[in-house]
Amino acid sequence: MRRALFLVAIVSLAVFTPKAQDPVKVAGDIYKVIVENDSVRVLDVNIAAGAKTAMHSHPDLVAVVLEPSTIRWTRPDGQSEQSGAGFTRGSSRYMAGETHISENIGTTSAHVILVEFKKPAPTPGRNPSLPAPYKKVAENPHSSVFELRVEPGGKIAKHTHGDYVTVSLTDATAETTDEQGKKQTTNFKKDAATFRGPATHSGVNTGQTPMYLITVELK
């Protein structure tokens, strides 16, 4: 009798416990992989107004908002949470790993970059520091998030990055100079994200438009 009850319990769990799913596999029309390596997976996410995903799971992540809407996340236990007034273009949001359904209950499409962390948060982690005009706007166990706004001709003093993800809010062109004096031109594309490795350099906005970047510095 006990064995029978045990088997029933196991079957019940299998039936009623939602299985963790990769969002790229269950909602590939919404979640697109931009970059993936040993440290992060970067996803480009587009959710049309009224669209709803299947239940899926994320590790700890930082979301950078490109086009805001109202998103509701519903967990397996039925509890839900939705994006608030701070969910605006250029804002970032840290979310601990969880399983949920994502639903756009707003009236406009949502466009978000997700930086998923593939490693446990370091303890203690490094404390990234970048000079002005970088401005630290958020801190979480895995990363520090910086905002960078530079007008045409504006300069950035020499600084050092670890591994980092850059999300560009504008089309822009910058020239960096490394410690050996080597110069490199980078063209930033509006609403695109890139992963970059450790570097020490100074920079200047050599384009004709303001440069607006969100930088997620890994600890």
N, C-alpha and C. Protein backbone atom coordinates (compact mmCIF):
# COMPACT_ATOMS: atom_id res chain seq x y z
N MET A 1 0.83 -1.21 0.00
CA MET A 1 0.00 0.00 0.00
C MET A 1 0.87 1.26 0.00
N ARG A 2 1.89 1.27 0.88
CA ARG A 2 2.78 2.43 0.94
C ARG A 2 3.51 2.63 -0.38
N ARG A 3 3.92 1.50 -0.98
CA ARG A 3 4.62 1.59 -2.27
C ARG A 3 3.70 2.20 -3.33
N ALA A 4 2.43 1.77 -3.30
CA ALA A 4 1.48 2.29 -4.27
C ALA A 4 1.28 3.80 -4.09
N LEU A 5 1.18 4.25 -2.83
CA LEU A 5 1.02 5.68 -2.56
C LEU A 5 2.24 6.46 -3.00
N PHE A 6 3.43 5.87 -2.78
CA PHE A 6 4.67 6.51 -3.18
C PHE A 6 4.71 6.71 -4.69
N LEU A 7 4.30 5.65 -5.43
CA LEU A 7 4.30 5.74 -6.89
C LEU A 7 3.30 6.79 -7.37
N VAL A 8 2.14 6.86 -6.71
CA VAL A 8 1.15 7.86 -7.08
C VAL A 8 1.71 9.27 -6.88
N ALA A 9 2.43 9.47 -5.76
CA ALA A 9 3.02 10.78 -5.47
C ALA A 9 4.02 11.17 -6.54
N ILE A 10 4.86 10.20 -6.95
CA ILE A 10 5.86 10.48 -7.97
C ILE A 10 5.19 10.85 -9.29
N VAL A 11 4.17 10.09 -9.67
CA VAL A 11 3.46 10.38 -10.90
C VAL A 11 2.80 11.75 -10.85
N SER A 12 2.23 12.08 -9.67
CA SER A 12 1.58 13.39 -9.52
C SER A 12 2.57 14.51 -9.71
N LEU A 13 3.76 14.37 -9.15
CA LEU A 13 4.78 15.39 -9.31
C LEU A 13 5.17 15.53 -10.77
N ALA A 14 5.30 14.41 -11.45
CA ALA A 14 5.68 14.44 -12.86
C ALA A 14 4.62 15.14 -13.70
N VAL A 15 3.34 14.96 -13.30
CA VAL A 15 2.25 15.54 -14.07
C VAL A 15 2.07 17.02 -13.79
N PHE A 16 2.15 17.40 -12.50
CA PHE A 16 1.77 18.75 -12.11
C PHE A 16 2.94 19.70 -11.90
N THR A 17 4.17 19.19 -11.79
CA THR A 17 5.32 20.08 -11.61
C THR A 17 5.84 20.53 -12.97
N PRO A 18 5.81 21.83 -13.28
CA PRO A 18 6.28 22.30 -14.57
C PRO A 18 7.76 21.99 -14.75
N LYS A 19 8.10 21.50 -15.92
CA LYS A 19 9.48 21.17 -16.20
C LYS A 19 10.21 22.41 -16.69
N ALA A 20 11.41 22.63 -16.16
CA ALA A 20 12.20 23.78 -16.58
C ALA A 20 12.54 23.65 -18.06
N GLN A 21 12.27 24.69 -18.83
CA GLN A 21 12.51 24.68 -20.27
C GLN A 21 13.36 25.88 -20.67
N ASP A 22 14.18 25.68 -21.68
CA ASP A 22 14.98 26.76 -22.23
C ASP A 22 14.05 27.67 -23.04
N PRO A 23 14.05 28.98 -22.78
CA PRO A 23 13.15 29.87 -23.52
C PRO A 23 13.41 29.86 -25.02
N VAL A 24 14.65 29.63 -25.41
CA VAL A 24 14.97 29.60 -26.84
C VAL A 24 14.31 28.41 -27.51
N LYS A 25 14.13 27.32 -26.76
CA LYS A 25 13.52 26.12 -27.32
C LYS A 25 11.99 26.19 -27.34
N VAL A 26 11.41 26.77 -26.29
CA VAL A 26 9.94 26.80 -26.21
C VAL A 26 9.33 28.06 -26.82
N ALA A 27 10.17 29.10 -27.04
CA ALA A 27 9.67 30.35 -27.62
C ALA A 27 10.74 30.96 -28.51
N GLY A 28 11.17 30.16 -29.49
CA GLY A 28 12.25 30.59 -30.38
C GLY A 28 11.90 31.77 -31.25
N ASP A 29 10.61 32.06 -31.40
CA ASP A 29 10.19 33.23 -32.17
C ASP A 29 10.35 34.52 -31.36
N ILE A 30 10.53 34.37 -30.05
CA ILE A 30 10.65 35.53 -29.16
C ILE A 30 12.08 35.72 -28.67
N TYR A 31 12.75 34.62 -28.33
CA TYR A 31 14.10 34.67 -27.74
C TYR A 31 15.14 34.25 -28.77
N LYS A 32 16.07 35.14 -29.09
CA LYS A 32 17.13 34.86 -30.05
C LYS A 32 18.49 35.01 -29.36
N VAL A 33 19.38 34.05 -29.57
CA VAL A 33 20.71 34.11 -28.97
C VAL A 33 21.60 35.04 -29.80
N ILE A 34 22.19 36.03 -29.14
CA ILE A 34 23.14 36.93 -29.79
C ILE A 34 24.56 36.43 -29.59
N VAL A 35 24.88 36.14 -28.33
CA VAL A 35 26.22 35.69 -27.94
C VAL A 35 26.08 34.63 -26.88
N GLU A 36 26.94 33.62 -26.92
CA GLU A 36 26.99 32.64 -25.84
C GLU A 36 28.42 32.17 -25.68
N ASN A 37 28.90 32.16 -24.43
CA ASN A 37 30.23 31.67 -24.11
C ASN A 37 30.18 31.04 -22.72
N ASP A 38 31.33 30.81 -22.11
CA ASP A 38 31.36 30.15 -20.81
C ASP A 38 30.79 31.01 -19.68
N SER A 39 30.73 32.32 -19.88
CA SER A 39 30.31 33.23 -18.82
C SER A 39 28.86 33.69 -18.93
N VAL A 40 28.41 33.97 -20.14
CA VAL A 40 27.08 34.54 -20.33
C VAL A 40 26.41 33.98 -21.57
N ARG A 41 25.09 34.11 -21.59
CA ARG A 41 24.32 33.97 -22.82
C ARG A 41 23.52 35.25 -22.95
N VAL A 42 23.63 35.91 -24.10
CA VAL A 42 22.94 37.17 -24.33
C VAL A 42 21.81 36.92 -25.31
N LEU A 43 20.59 37.28 -24.90
CA LEU A 43 19.39 37.05 -25.70
C LEU A 43 18.76 38.35 -26.14
N ASP A 44 18.31 38.38 -27.39
CA ASP A 44 17.50 39.48 -27.90
C ASP A 44 16.05 39.03 -27.83
N VAL A 45 15.23 39.78 -27.08
CA VAL A 45 13.86 39.35 -26.79
C VAL A 45 12.87 40.35 -27.35
N ASN A 46 11.94 39.86 -28.18
CA ASN A 46 10.86 40.69 -28.72
C ASN A 46 9.53 40.02 -28.41
N ILE A 47 8.69 40.69 -27.63
CA ILE A 47 7.38 40.15 -27.26
C ILE A 47 6.31 41.11 -27.77
N ALA A 48 5.52 40.66 -28.73
CA ALA A 48 4.45 41.51 -29.27
C ALA A 48 3.38 41.75 -28.22
N ALA A 49 2.65 42.85 -28.37
CA ALA A 49 1.54 43.14 -27.46
C ALA A 49 0.56 41.98 -27.47
N GLY A 50 0.22 41.48 -26.29
CA GLY A 50 -0.72 40.37 -26.16
C GLY A 50 -0.09 38.99 -26.24
N ALA A 51 1.21 38.92 -26.59
CA ALA A 51 1.88 37.62 -26.72
C ALA A 51 2.20 37.03 -25.36
N LYS A 52 2.25 35.70 -25.30
CA LYS A 52 2.49 34.98 -24.06
C LYS A 52 3.36 33.77 -24.36
N THR A 53 4.38 33.54 -23.54
CA THR A 53 5.28 32.41 -23.76
C THR A 53 4.81 31.18 -23.00
N ALA A 54 5.40 30.04 -23.35
CA ALA A 54 5.24 28.84 -22.53
C ALA A 54 6.06 29.00 -21.25
N MET A 55 5.81 28.15 -20.27
CA MET A 55 6.60 28.16 -19.04
C MET A 55 8.05 27.86 -19.39
N HIS A 56 8.98 28.65 -18.84
CA HIS A 56 10.39 28.45 -19.13
C HIS A 56 11.22 28.95 -17.95
N SER A 57 12.52 28.68 -18.00
CA SER A 57 13.40 29.03 -16.87
C SER A 57 14.59 29.86 -17.34
N HIS A 58 15.02 30.74 -16.45
CA HIS A 58 16.23 31.54 -16.66
C HIS A 58 17.14 31.38 -15.45
N PRO A 59 18.45 31.45 -15.65
CA PRO A 59 19.36 31.64 -14.51
C PRO A 59 19.30 33.11 -14.09
N ASP A 60 20.11 33.52 -13.12
CA ASP A 60 20.20 34.93 -12.76
C ASP A 60 20.51 35.75 -14.02
N LEU A 61 19.92 36.93 -14.12
CA LEU A 61 20.13 37.72 -15.34
C LEU A 61 19.98 39.20 -15.07
N VAL A 62 20.46 40.00 -16.04
CA VAL A 62 20.19 41.43 -16.10
C VAL A 62 19.44 41.69 -17.40
N ALA A 63 18.31 42.40 -17.30
CA ALA A 63 17.54 42.80 -18.48
C ALA A 63 17.81 44.28 -18.75
N VAL A 64 18.12 44.60 -20.01
CA VAL A 64 18.29 45.99 -20.43
C VAL A 64 17.15 46.30 -21.40
N VAL A 65 16.36 47.31 -21.06
CA VAL A 65 15.15 47.61 -21.83
C VAL A 65 15.47 48.49 -23.03
N LEU A 66 15.01 48.04 -24.21
CA LEU A 66 15.14 48.85 -25.42
C LEU A 66 13.81 49.49 -25.79
N GLU A 67 12.75 48.69 -25.82
CA GLU A 67 11.41 49.22 -26.07
C GLU A 67 10.51 48.72 -24.95
N PRO A 68 10.01 49.60 -24.10
CA PRO A 68 9.24 49.18 -22.93
C PRO A 68 7.79 48.86 -23.25
N SER A 69 7.22 47.98 -22.47
CA SER A 69 5.79 47.71 -22.45
C SER A 69 5.50 47.22 -21.03
N THR A 70 4.35 46.63 -20.81
CA THR A 70 4.04 46.09 -19.49
C THR A 70 4.10 44.57 -19.57
N ILE A 71 5.07 43.99 -18.85
CA ILE A 71 5.29 42.55 -18.87
C ILE A 71 4.84 41.96 -17.55
N ARG A 72 4.12 40.84 -17.63
CA ARG A 72 3.73 40.10 -16.43
C ARG A 72 4.42 38.75 -16.45
N TRP A 73 5.07 38.42 -15.30
CA TRP A 73 5.74 37.14 -15.14
C TRP A 73 4.92 36.31 -14.15
N THR A 74 4.48 35.13 -14.57
CA THR A 74 3.68 34.25 -13.72
C THR A 74 4.46 32.99 -13.42
N ARG A 75 4.65 32.70 -12.13
CA ARG A 75 5.45 31.57 -11.69
C ARG A 75 4.58 30.30 -11.61
N PRO A 76 5.22 29.14 -11.46
CA PRO A 76 4.46 27.88 -11.40
C PRO A 76 3.43 27.83 -10.29
N ASP A 77 3.66 28.57 -9.19
CA ASP A 77 2.68 28.55 -8.08
C ASP A 77 1.52 29.52 -8.30
N GLY A 78 1.50 30.17 -9.45
CA GLY A 78 0.41 31.09 -9.77
C GLY A 78 0.67 32.52 -9.38
N GLN A 79 1.68 32.76 -8.56
CA GLN A 79 2.00 34.13 -8.16
C GLN A 79 2.60 34.87 -9.36
N SER A 80 2.30 36.15 -9.44
CA SER A 80 2.77 36.92 -10.59
C SER A 80 3.33 38.27 -10.16
N GLU A 81 4.10 38.85 -11.05
CA GLU A 81 4.72 40.15 -10.85
C GLU A 81 4.76 40.84 -12.20
N GLN A 82 4.67 42.15 -12.22
CA GLN A 82 4.75 42.82 -13.50
C GLN A 82 5.69 44.02 -13.44
N SER A 83 6.20 44.37 -14.62
CA SER A 83 7.12 45.49 -14.72
C SER A 83 6.40 46.77 -14.31
N GLY A 84 7.15 47.66 -13.68
CA GLY A 84 6.56 48.88 -13.16
C GLY A 84 6.93 50.10 -13.97
N ALA A 85 6.77 51.27 -13.34
CA ALA A 85 7.01 52.53 -14.02
C ALA A 85 8.47 52.71 -14.41
N GLY A 86 9.38 52.02 -13.70
CA GLY A 86 10.80 52.16 -14.01
C GLY A 86 11.27 51.35 -15.20
N PHE A 87 10.36 50.60 -15.82
CA PHE A 87 10.69 49.75 -16.96
C PHE A 87 10.68 50.62 -18.22
N THR A 88 11.72 51.44 -18.38
CA THR A 88 11.78 52.43 -19.45
C THR A 88 13.01 52.18 -20.32
N ARG A 89 13.04 52.79 -21.48
CA ARG A 89 14.17 52.60 -22.40
C ARG A 89 15.48 52.97 -21.72
N GLY A 90 16.45 52.07 -21.79
CA GLY A 90 17.75 52.29 -21.18
C GLY A 90 17.86 51.82 -19.75
N SER A 91 16.73 51.47 -19.13
CA SER A 91 16.77 50.99 -17.74
C SER A 91 17.23 49.54 -17.70
N SER A 92 17.68 49.10 -16.52
CA SER A 92 18.10 47.71 -16.34
C SER A 92 17.39 47.13 -15.13
N ARG A 93 17.25 45.80 -15.13
CA ARG A 93 16.57 45.12 -14.04
C ARG A 93 17.28 43.80 -13.78
N TYR A 94 17.65 43.56 -12.52
CA TYR A 94 18.24 42.28 -12.14
C TYR A 94 17.14 41.33 -11.71
N MET A 95 17.20 40.08 -12.21
CA MET A 95 16.22 39.07 -11.82
C MET A 95 16.95 37.80 -11.43
N ALA A 96 16.70 37.31 -10.22
CA ALA A 96 17.28 36.04 -9.79
C ALA A 96 16.65 34.91 -10.61
N GLY A 97 17.40 33.83 -10.76
CA GLY A 97 16.93 32.71 -11.57
C GLY A 97 15.58 32.19 -11.12
N GLU A 98 14.70 31.94 -12.08
CA GLU A 98 13.38 31.43 -11.75
C GLU A 98 12.71 30.83 -12.99
N THR A 99 11.57 30.18 -12.75
CA THR A 99 10.74 29.63 -13.82
C THR A 99 9.46 30.44 -13.89
N HIS A 100 9.05 30.84 -15.11
CA HIS A 100 7.85 31.67 -15.24
C HIS A 100 7.31 31.66 -16.67
N ILE A 101 6.13 32.20 -16.82
CA ILE A 101 5.56 32.56 -18.11
C ILE A 101 5.72 34.06 -18.27
N SER A 102 6.13 34.51 -19.44
CA SER A 102 6.22 35.94 -19.72
C SER A 102 5.07 36.34 -20.64
N GLU A 103 4.37 37.40 -20.28
CA GLU A 103 3.23 37.85 -21.07
C GLU A 103 3.27 39.36 -21.21
N ASN A 104 3.15 39.84 -22.43
CA ASN A 104 3.09 41.28 -22.67
C ASN A 104 1.63 41.72 -22.58
N ILE A 105 1.28 42.35 -21.46
CA ILE A 105 -0.10 42.79 -21.26
C ILE A 105 -0.26 44.27 -21.61
N GLY A 106 0.78 44.83 -22.22
CA GLY A 106 0.71 46.23 -22.65
C GLY A 106 0.13 46.35 -24.04
N THR A 107 0.18 47.55 -24.58
CA THR A 107 -0.40 47.83 -25.89
C THR A 107 0.64 48.00 -26.99
N THR A 108 1.93 47.91 -26.61
CA THR A 108 3.02 48.04 -27.58
C THR A 108 3.97 46.85 -27.43
N SER A 109 4.76 46.60 -28.46
CA SER A 109 5.74 45.52 -28.40
C SER A 109 6.83 45.85 -27.39
N ALA A 110 7.38 44.80 -26.77
CA ALA A 110 8.50 44.96 -25.84
C ALA A 110 9.76 44.41 -26.49
N HIS A 111 10.86 45.13 -26.33
CA HIS A 111 12.16 44.70 -26.86
C HIS A 111 13.18 44.83 -25.73
N VAL A 112 13.80 43.72 -25.38
CA VAL A 112 14.69 43.67 -24.21
C VAL A 112 15.92 42.83 -24.56
N ILE A 113 17.07 43.23 -24.03
CA ILE A 113 18.27 42.41 -24.08
C ILE A 113 18.43 41.74 -22.72
N LEU A 114 18.58 40.41 -22.70
CA LEU A 114 18.82 39.68 -21.47
C LEU A 114 20.26 39.20 -21.43
N VAL A 115 20.95 39.48 -20.33
CA VAL A 115 22.30 38.95 -20.09
C VAL A 115 22.16 37.88 -19.02
N GLU A 116 22.16 36.61 -19.42
CA GLU A 116 22.04 35.49 -18.50
C GLU A 116 23.43 35.10 -18.00
N PHE A 117 23.57 34.96 -16.69
CA PHE A 117 24.86 34.58 -16.11
C PHE A 117 24.95 33.07 -15.97
N LYS A 118 26.02 32.48 -16.50
CA LYS A 118 26.14 31.03 -16.55
C LYS A 118 26.96 30.46 -15.39
N LYS A 119 27.58 31.34 -14.61
CA LYS A 119 28.39 30.89 -13.47
C LYS A 119 27.79 31.42 -12.17
N PRO A 120 28.06 30.73 -11.05
CA PRO A 120 27.60 31.27 -9.76
C PRO A 120 28.21 32.64 -9.50
N ALA A 121 27.51 33.47 -8.76
CA ALA A 121 28.03 34.78 -8.41
C ALA A 121 29.30 34.63 -7.60
N PRO A 122 30.37 35.34 -7.95
CA PRO A 122 31.62 35.22 -7.20
C PRO A 122 31.51 35.79 -5.80
N THR A 123 32.20 35.15 -4.85
CA THR A 123 32.20 35.63 -3.46
C THR A 123 33.63 35.61 -2.93
N PRO A 124 34.26 36.76 -2.65
CA PRO A 124 33.73 38.08 -3.04
C PRO A 124 34.00 38.33 -4.52
N GLY A 125 33.20 39.18 -5.14
CA GLY A 125 33.42 39.53 -6.53
C GLY A 125 34.26 40.79 -6.64
N ARG A 126 34.85 41.01 -7.80
CA ARG A 126 35.57 42.26 -8.03
C ARG A 126 34.56 43.40 -8.06
N ASN A 127 35.03 44.59 -7.77
CA ASN A 127 34.16 45.76 -7.73
C ASN A 127 34.51 46.67 -8.89
N PRO A 128 33.87 46.45 -10.05
CA PRO A 128 34.23 47.25 -11.23
C PRO A 128 34.07 48.74 -10.98
N SER A 129 35.03 49.50 -11.48
CA SER A 129 34.99 50.95 -11.35
C SER A 129 35.43 51.57 -12.68
N LEU A 130 34.61 52.45 -13.22
CA LEU A 130 34.92 53.11 -14.48
C LEU A 130 34.83 54.62 -14.28
N PRO A 131 35.69 55.39 -14.97
CA PRO A 131 35.72 56.84 -14.75
C PRO A 131 34.57 57.56 -15.44
N ALA A 132 34.30 58.80 -15.01
CA ALA A 132 33.34 59.64 -15.71
C ALA A 132 33.81 59.78 -17.16
N PRO A 133 32.88 59.81 -18.10
CA PRO A 133 31.43 59.98 -17.94
C PRO A 133 30.63 58.69 -17.70
N TYR A 134 31.31 57.56 -17.42
CA TYR A 134 30.56 56.37 -16.99
C TYR A 134 29.85 56.68 -15.67
N LYS A 135 28.64 56.18 -15.54
CA LYS A 135 27.87 56.37 -14.31
C LYS A 135 27.30 55.02 -13.88
N LYS A 136 27.63 54.58 -12.67
CA LYS A 136 27.10 53.31 -12.19
C LYS A 136 25.62 53.50 -11.84
N VAL A 137 24.77 52.63 -12.43
CA VAL A 137 23.33 52.78 -12.22
C VAL A 137 22.71 51.58 -11.50
N ALA A 138 23.45 50.49 -11.38
CA ALA A 138 22.90 49.31 -10.70
C ALA A 138 24.03 48.39 -10.28
N GLU A 139 23.73 47.59 -9.26
CA GLU A 139 24.69 46.62 -8.72
C GLU A 139 23.94 45.35 -8.39
N ASN A 140 24.54 44.21 -8.70
CA ASN A 140 23.94 42.93 -8.35
C ASN A 140 25.07 41.94 -8.06
N PRO A 141 24.76 40.72 -7.60
CA PRO A 141 25.83 39.79 -7.22
C PRO A 141 26.78 39.41 -8.36
N HIS A 142 26.32 39.51 -9.61
CA HIS A 142 27.14 39.07 -10.75
C HIS A 142 27.84 40.21 -11.47
N SER A 143 27.31 41.43 -11.38
CA SER A 143 27.81 42.50 -12.24
C SER A 143 27.53 43.87 -11.67
N SER A 144 28.19 44.86 -12.28
CA SER A 144 27.85 46.26 -12.07
C SER A 144 27.38 46.80 -13.41
N VAL A 145 26.35 47.63 -13.38
CA VAL A 145 25.79 48.17 -14.62
C VAL A 145 26.09 49.66 -14.70
N PHE A 146 26.66 50.08 -15.83
CA PHE A 146 27.04 51.47 -16.03
C PHE A 146 26.31 52.06 -17.23
N GLU A 147 26.04 53.35 -17.14
CA GLU A 147 25.50 54.11 -18.26
C GLU A 147 26.59 55.02 -18.78
N LEU A 148 26.71 55.13 -20.11
CA LEU A 148 27.71 56.01 -20.71
C LEU A 148 27.05 56.88 -21.76
N ARG A 149 27.15 58.19 -21.57
CA ARG A 149 26.66 59.15 -22.56
C ARG A 149 27.82 60.08 -22.92
N VAL A 150 28.13 60.13 -24.21
CA VAL A 150 29.24 60.96 -24.67
C VAL A 150 28.82 61.71 -25.92
N GLU A 151 28.94 63.02 -25.89
CA GLU A 151 28.61 63.84 -27.06
C GLU A 151 29.72 63.71 -28.11
N PRO A 152 29.45 64.06 -29.37
CA PRO A 152 30.48 64.01 -30.40
C PRO A 152 31.72 64.80 -29.98
N GLY A 153 32.88 64.17 -30.12
CA GLY A 153 34.14 64.79 -29.70
C GLY A 153 34.47 64.56 -28.25
N GLY A 154 33.54 64.05 -27.47
CA GLY A 154 33.78 63.81 -26.05
C GLY A 154 34.77 62.68 -25.82
N LYS A 155 35.54 62.80 -24.73
CA LYS A 155 36.59 61.84 -24.45
C LYS A 155 36.32 61.05 -23.17
N ILE A 156 36.89 59.85 -23.10
CA ILE A 156 36.82 59.00 -21.92
C ILE A 156 38.25 58.68 -21.49
N ALA A 157 38.58 58.95 -20.24
CA ALA A 157 39.93 58.70 -19.73
C ALA A 157 40.26 57.20 -19.76
N LYS A 158 41.54 56.89 -19.66
CA LYS A 158 41.97 55.50 -19.68
C LYS A 158 41.31 54.73 -18.54
N HIS A 159 40.83 53.53 -18.85
CA HIS A 159 40.13 52.70 -17.86
C HIS A 159 40.30 51.24 -18.23
N THR A 160 39.94 50.37 -17.29
CA THR A 160 40.11 48.94 -17.51
C THR A 160 38.79 48.21 -17.35
N HIS A 161 38.49 47.35 -18.32
CA HIS A 161 37.32 46.49 -18.28
C HIS A 161 37.74 45.05 -17.96
N GLY A 162 36.85 44.31 -17.28
CA GLY A 162 36.93 42.86 -17.28
C GLY A 162 36.08 42.37 -18.45
N ASP A 163 35.52 41.20 -18.34
CA ASP A 163 34.53 40.77 -19.34
C ASP A 163 33.29 41.64 -19.18
N TYR A 164 32.71 42.06 -20.30
CA TYR A 164 31.54 42.93 -20.21
C TYR A 164 30.67 42.82 -21.45
N VAL A 165 29.40 43.18 -21.26
CA VAL A 165 28.43 43.23 -22.36
C VAL A 165 28.04 44.69 -22.55
N THR A 166 28.09 45.14 -23.80
CA THR A 166 27.68 46.50 -24.13
C THR A 166 26.39 46.47 -24.93
N VAL A 167 25.43 47.27 -24.49
CA VAL A 167 24.16 47.44 -25.22
C VAL A 167 24.12 48.89 -25.68
N SER A 168 24.00 49.10 -26.99
CA SER A 168 24.01 50.45 -27.53
C SER A 168 22.60 50.95 -27.74
N LEU A 169 22.30 52.15 -27.23
CA LEU A 169 20.99 52.75 -27.42
C LEU A 169 20.97 53.69 -28.62
N THR A 170 22.13 53.93 -29.23
CA THR A 170 22.22 54.80 -30.40
C THR A 170 23.22 54.22 -31.39
N ASP A 171 23.11 54.62 -32.64
CA ASP A 171 24.20 54.39 -33.59
C ASP A 171 25.32 55.35 -33.21
N ALA A 172 26.54 54.87 -33.18
CA ALA A 172 27.66 55.72 -32.77
C ALA A 172 28.97 55.14 -33.27
N THR A 173 29.98 56.00 -33.31
CA THR A 173 31.33 55.58 -33.71
C THR A 173 32.31 56.08 -32.66
N ALA A 174 33.18 55.19 -32.19
CA ALA A 174 34.18 55.57 -31.18
C ALA A 174 35.54 55.05 -31.59
N GLU A 175 36.56 55.76 -31.16
CA GLU A 175 37.94 55.31 -31.36
C GLU A 175 38.57 55.08 -30.00
N THR A 176 39.14 53.89 -29.78
CA THR A 176 39.83 53.59 -28.53
C THR A 176 41.32 53.50 -28.79
N THR A 177 42.09 53.81 -27.75
CA THR A 177 43.55 53.72 -27.81
C THR A 177 44.01 52.87 -26.64
N ASP A 178 44.72 51.75 -26.94
CA ASP A 178 45.14 50.86 -25.87
C ASP A 178 46.46 51.30 -25.24
N GLU A 179 46.97 50.50 -24.32
CA GLU A 179 48.18 50.88 -23.57
C GLU A 179 49.41 50.96 -24.46
N GLN A 180 49.40 50.30 -25.59
CA GLN A 180 50.53 50.35 -26.52
C GLN A 180 50.36 51.45 -27.57
N GLY A 181 49.27 52.20 -27.46
CA GLY A 181 49.03 53.29 -28.41
C GLY A 181 48.29 52.86 -29.67
N LYS A 182 47.87 51.60 -29.72
CA LYS A 182 47.15 51.12 -30.89
C LYS A 182 45.72 51.62 -30.86
N LYS A 183 45.29 52.16 -32.01
CA LYS A 183 43.94 52.72 -32.10
C LYS A 183 43.01 51.75 -32.83
N GLN A 184 41.75 51.76 -32.40
CA GLN A 184 40.76 50.89 -33.01
C GLN A 184 39.43 51.63 -33.08
N THR A 185 38.79 51.54 -34.25
CA THR A 185 37.49 52.18 -34.42
C THR A 185 36.38 51.15 -34.25
N THR A 186 35.37 51.51 -33.46
CA THR A 186 34.22 50.63 -33.23
C THR A 186 32.95 51.35 -33.64
N ASN A 187 32.15 50.67 -34.45
CA ASN A 187 30.85 51.21 -34.85
C ASN A 187 29.76 50.52 -34.03
N PHE A 188 29.05 51.29 -33.24
CA PHE A 188 27.97 50.76 -32.42
C PHE A 188 26.66 50.87 -33.19
N LYS A 189 25.89 49.80 -33.18
CA LYS A 189 24.59 49.77 -33.86
C LYS A 189 23.47 49.91 -32.84
N LYS A 190 22.54 50.79 -33.13
CA LYS A 190 21.42 51.03 -32.22
C LYS A 190 20.68 49.74 -31.90
N ASP A 191 20.43 49.54 -30.59
CA ASP A 191 19.67 48.40 -30.07
C ASP A 191 20.37 47.06 -30.26
N ALA A 192 21.69 47.09 -30.39
CA ALA A 192 22.47 45.85 -30.53
C ALA A 192 23.33 45.64 -29.28
N ALA A 193 23.68 44.38 -29.03
CA ALA A 193 24.50 44.03 -27.87
C ALA A 193 25.71 43.23 -28.32
N THR A 194 26.84 43.45 -27.65
CA THR A 194 28.07 42.72 -27.94
C THR A 194 28.75 42.31 -26.64
N PHE A 195 29.50 41.22 -26.69
CA PHE A 195 30.32 40.79 -25.55
C PHE A 195 31.76 41.12 -25.87
N ARG A 196 32.47 41.67 -24.88
CA ARG A 196 33.87 42.03 -25.07
C ARG A 196 34.69 41.53 -23.90
N GLY A 197 35.94 41.18 -24.18
CA GLY A 197 36.83 40.66 -23.16
C GLY A 197 37.61 41.77 -22.47
N PRO A 198 38.49 41.40 -21.53
CA PRO A 198 39.25 42.39 -20.77
C PRO A 198 40.03 43.35 -21.68
N ALA A 199 40.06 44.62 -21.28
CA ALA A 199 40.77 45.63 -22.08
C ALA A 199 41.08 46.83 -21.21
N THR A 200 42.18 47.50 -21.55
CA THR A 200 42.52 48.79 -20.95
C THR A 200 42.70 49.77 -22.09
N HIS A 201 41.95 50.85 -22.07
CA HIS A 201 42.01 51.81 -23.17
C HIS A 201 41.38 53.14 -22.76
N SER A 202 41.63 54.16 -23.57
CA SER A 202 40.91 55.42 -23.49
C SER A 202 40.01 55.50 -24.72
N GLY A 203 39.13 56.50 -24.78
CA GLY A 203 38.22 56.55 -25.92
C GLY A 203 37.78 57.95 -26.25
N VAL A 204 37.25 58.09 -27.46
CA VAL A 204 36.69 59.36 -27.90
C VAL A 204 35.54 59.07 -28.86
N ASN A 205 34.47 59.84 -28.77
CA ASN A 205 33.35 59.73 -29.69
C ASN A 205 33.74 60.45 -30.97
N THR A 206 34.07 59.70 -32.00
CA THR A 206 34.51 60.29 -33.27
C THR A 206 33.37 60.44 -34.27
N GLY A 207 32.16 60.08 -33.87
CA GLY A 207 31.02 60.20 -34.76
C GLY A 207 30.36 61.56 -34.69
N GLN A 208 29.24 61.66 -35.39
CA GLN A 208 28.50 62.92 -35.46
C GLN A 208 27.26 62.92 -34.56
N THR A 209 27.06 61.81 -33.84
CA THR A 209 25.86 61.69 -32.99
C THR A 209 26.27 61.32 -31.57
N PRO A 210 25.42 61.63 -30.58
CA PRO A 210 25.73 61.25 -29.20
C PRO A 210 25.83 59.73 -29.06
N MET A 211 26.72 59.28 -28.21
CA MET A 211 26.89 57.86 -27.92
C MET A 211 26.23 57.57 -26.58
N TYR A 212 25.35 56.56 -26.57
CA TYR A 212 24.62 56.18 -25.36
C TYR A 212 24.71 54.68 -25.22
N LEU A 213 25.46 54.21 -24.21
CA LEU A 213 25.69 52.79 -24.01
C LEU A 213 25.28 52.37 -22.60
N ILE A 214 24.83 51.14 -22.46
CA ILE A 214 24.68 50.48 -21.17
C ILE A 214 25.72 49.36 -21.12
N THR A 215 26.55 49.37 -20.10
CA THR A 215 27.62 48.38 -19.97
C THR A 215 27.40 47.53 -18.75
N VAL A 216 27.33 46.21 -18.96
CA VAL A 216 27.17 45.25 -17.86
C VAL A 216 28.54 44.62 -17.61
N GLU A 217 29.21 45.08 -16.55
CA GLU A 217 30.56 44.63 -16.21
C GLU A 217 30.48 43.42 -15.29
N LEU A 218 31.00 42.27 -15.73
CA LEU A 218 30.99 41.08 -14.90
C LEU A 218 31.97 41.19 -13.76
N LYS A 219 31.60 40.65 -12.60
CA LYS A 219 32.48 40.68 -11.44
C LYS A 219 33.43 39.50 -11.47
